[in-house]
Amino acid sequence: MAITEIPYADYADLFIEKESHGGVFLSTCADGKNNTMTIGWGSIGFMWGKPVLTVMIRKSRYSYELIEKNPEFTVSIPIHDDFKKALGVCGSKSGRSLDKFQEANLKIMAGQKVTPPVIKGAGLHIECKVRYQQTLSADKFSQELCDKWYGDQDWHVLYYGEIVSAYVEK
């Protein structure tokens, strides 16, 4: 399998399309444990003179515990629809209680420039190092969105990751 580095912006539209219609995989690791989860919210762009991918993780998630210990993450974007079932598993099960990679029959590859793995076969991968993070809070939120998404007070933390590598598998 060949890895080809790409300009991240060339695939920004694909990231947005896949993220908003079925999700993408966000992977983290710490203390020798890997985890992945399905995400459907985030953004990609340019901040502080660097390419940045912003992702959101709720404090209740196992991935939150891992990224707090090791501030790096990968996002694997399935180019084809072969991963629909795996995205469902990774979006509904907790890595605290089971190995989601095994449960979803996912294979991993080592990250090129970060320690979290990527999902082998997904096709498109983005590797990031966290440069800033911020927890959402009610006092800075529109009441409409707060009521809709955070009635349980399970706030997201926004992680602004500098894109240190983007590549496709062929």
Protein backbone atom coordinates (compact mmCIF):
# COMPACT_ATOMS: atom_id res chain seq x y z
CA MET A 1 0.00 0.00 0.00
CA ALA A 2 1.42 3.36 -1.02
CA ILE A 3 1.03 6.56 1.00
CA THR A 4 0.90 9.85 -0.89
CA GLU A 5 1.17 13.17 0.97
CA ILE A 6 -1.42 15.69 -0.18
CA PRO A 7 -2.22 19.37 0.37
CA TYR A 8 -4.92 19.22 3.07
CA ALA A 9 -7.07 21.83 1.28
CA ASP A 10 -7.43 19.55 -1.77
CA TYR A 11 -9.67 17.27 0.30
CA ALA A 12 -11.40 19.78 2.60
CA ASP A 13 -14.69 19.43 0.70
CA LEU A 14 -14.57 15.64 1.02
CA PHE A 15 -13.91 15.93 4.76
CA ILE A 16 -16.92 18.24 5.18
CA GLU A 17 -19.15 16.00 3.04
CA LYS A 18 -18.23 12.78 4.86
CA GLU A 19 -18.26 14.36 8.31
CA SER A 20 -21.73 15.81 7.86
CA HIS A 21 -23.20 12.70 6.17
CA GLY A 22 -22.30 9.62 8.17
CA GLY A 23 -19.21 10.71 10.04
CA VAL A 24 -15.48 10.15 10.07
CA PHE A 25 -13.15 8.38 12.52
CA LEU A 26 -11.25 10.35 15.16
CA SER A 27 -8.50 8.29 16.82
CA THR A 28 -6.55 8.97 19.99
CA CYS A 29 -4.09 7.08 22.16
CA ALA A 30 -2.43 7.30 25.56
CA ASP A 31 -0.85 4.91 28.03
CA GLY A 32 -0.56 2.23 25.34
CA LYS A 33 -4.31 2.29 24.58
CA ASN A 34 -5.80 3.24 21.22
CA ASN A 35 -9.37 4.39 20.73
CA THR A 36 -11.48 5.64 17.87
CA MET A 37 -14.86 7.35 17.75
CA THR A 38 -17.21 8.63 15.09
CA ILE A 39 -17.48 12.39 14.79
CA GLY A 40 -19.88 14.45 12.74
CA TRP A 41 -18.95 17.96 13.81
CA GLY A 42 -15.75 19.88 13.12
CA SER A 43 -14.14 22.33 10.77
CA ILE A 44 -11.06 22.66 8.63
CA GLY A 45 -9.24 25.86 7.77
CA PHE A 46 -6.28 28.10 8.45
CA MET A 47 -5.44 29.83 11.78
CA TRP A 48 -2.29 31.22 13.39
CA GLY A 49 -0.45 30.80 10.08
CA LYS A 50 -1.10 27.04 10.11
CA PRO A 51 -3.56 24.56 8.62
CA VAL A 52 -6.00 23.60 11.39
CA LEU A 53 -8.61 20.89 11.91
CA THR A 54 -11.02 21.60 14.77
CA VAL A 55 -12.81 18.65 16.37
CA MET A 56 -15.26 18.40 19.26
CA ILE A 57 -15.17 15.75 21.98
CA ARG A 58 -17.58 15.59 24.92
CA LYS A 59 -16.00 15.38 28.37
CA SER A 60 -17.90 12.15 29.05
CA ARG A 61 -16.15 10.29 26.21
CA TYR A 62 -13.21 7.94 26.61
CA SER A 63 -11.46 9.77 23.75
CA TYR A 64 -11.52 12.90 25.94
CA GLU A 65 -9.50 11.10 28.62
CA LEU A 66 -6.94 9.96 26.06
CA ILE A 67 -6.52 13.27 24.22
CA GLU A 68 -6.07 15.07 27.53
CA LYS A 69 -3.11 12.78 28.27
CA ASN A 70 -1.68 12.85 24.74
CA PRO A 71 -2.72 15.98 22.77
CA GLU A 72 -2.59 14.43 19.32
CA PHE A 73 -5.28 12.90 17.13
CA THR A 74 -5.90 11.50 13.69
CA VAL A 75 -8.97 11.72 11.50
CA SER A 76 -9.56 8.97 8.95
CA ILE A 77 -12.08 9.80 6.24
CA PRO A 78 -13.65 6.80 4.50
CA ILE A 79 -13.55 7.53 0.78
CA HIS A 80 -16.00 4.71 0.06
CA ASP A 81 -19.12 3.59 1.93
CA ASP A 82 -17.55 0.31 3.12
CA PHE A 83 -17.20 1.71 6.65
CA LYS A 84 -20.86 2.52 7.39
CA LYS A 85 -21.28 -0.33 9.90
CA ALA A 86 -17.94 0.43 11.59
CA LEU A 87 -18.87 4.11 11.91
CA GLY A 88 -22.10 2.98 13.61
CA VAL A 89 -20.22 0.80 16.09
CA CYS A 90 -17.63 3.48 16.84
CA GLY A 91 -20.34 6.08 17.35
CA SER A 92 -22.41 3.99 19.75
CA LYS A 93 -19.96 1.98 21.90
CA SER A 94 -17.42 3.10 24.49
CA GLY A 95 -13.74 2.28 24.26
CA ARG A 96 -13.67 2.12 28.06
CA SER A 97 -15.48 -1.21 27.98
CA LEU A 98 -14.36 -2.79 24.71
CA ASP A 99 -11.82 -2.61 21.90
CA LYS A 100 -13.75 -0.76 19.19
CA PHE A 101 -11.18 -1.65 16.55
CA GLN A 102 -11.83 -5.34 17.16
CA GLU A 103 -15.61 -4.89 17.59
CA ALA A 104 -15.88 -2.97 14.29
CA ASN A 105 -13.35 -5.20 12.49
CA LEU A 106 -11.04 -2.25 11.82
CA LYS A 107 -7.35 -2.53 11.03
CA ILE A 108 -4.98 0.23 12.05
CA MET A 109 -1.75 1.69 10.71
CA ALA A 110 0.74 3.75 12.66
CA GLY A 111 0.46 7.49 12.26
CA GLN A 112 3.21 9.08 10.17
CA LYS A 113 3.94 12.05 12.47
CA VAL A 114 1.77 11.48 15.56
CA THR A 115 1.30 8.55 17.93
CA PRO A 116 -2.44 7.82 17.41
CA PRO A 117 -3.14 5.32 14.62
CA VAL A 118 -5.18 5.77 11.46
CA ILE A 119 -7.86 3.43 10.12
CA LYS A 120 -6.33 1.26 7.42
CA GLY A 121 -8.31 1.26 4.18
CA ALA A 122 -10.30 4.41 4.92
CA GLY A 123 -8.35 6.17 2.21
CA LEU A 124 -7.78 9.70 3.50
CA HIS A 125 -5.98 10.57 6.74
CA ILE A 126 -5.24 13.79 8.60
CA GLU A 127 -2.83 13.88 11.54
CA CYS A 128 -2.95 16.68 14.09
CA LYS A 129 -1.22 18.07 17.16
CA VAL A 130 -3.46 20.04 19.51
CA ARG A 131 -2.43 23.71 19.66
CA TYR A 132 -5.42 25.09 21.60
CA GLN A 133 -8.50 23.78 23.34
CA GLN A 134 -11.58 25.33 24.88
CA THR A 135 -14.61 23.94 26.68
CA LEU A 136 -17.98 25.24 25.55
CA SER A 137 -20.11 26.84 28.28
CA ALA A 138 -23.70 28.01 28.67
CA ASP A 139 -22.80 31.63 29.38
CA LYS A 140 -21.28 32.01 25.91
CA PHE A 141 -23.86 29.97 24.02
CA SER A 142 -27.11 30.81 22.28
CA GLN A 143 -30.00 29.52 24.39
CA GLU A 144 -31.56 27.75 21.41
CA LEU A 145 -28.46 25.64 20.73
CA CYS A 146 -27.75 25.13 24.41
CA ASP A 147 -31.25 23.73 24.95
CA LYS A 148 -31.05 21.53 21.86
CA TRP A 149 -27.59 20.01 22.31
CA TYR A 150 -26.52 20.51 25.94
CA GLY A 151 -29.58 20.03 28.13
CA ASP A 152 -27.59 17.40 30.03
CA GLN A 153 -24.61 19.79 30.46
CA ASP A 154 -22.30 17.27 28.74
CA TRP A 155 -20.22 19.96 27.06
CA HIS A 156 -17.90 19.51 24.14
CA VAL A 157 -14.28 20.54 24.26
CA LEU A 158 -13.05 22.06 21.01
CA TYR A 159 -9.58 20.88 20.02
CA TYR A 160 -7.76 22.99 17.45
CA GLY A 161 -5.26 20.64 15.86
CA GLU A 162 -2.45 21.80 13.64
CA ILE A 163 -2.48 19.54 10.58
CA VAL A 164 1.02 18.05 10.54
CA SER A 165 0.32 15.45 7.86
CA ALA A 166 -2.40 14.69 5.31
CA TYR A 167 -2.21 11.73 2.94
CA VAL A 168 -4.12 9.18 0.92
CA GLU A 169 -3.60 5.42 0.77
CA LYS A 170 -3.54 3.81 -2.64
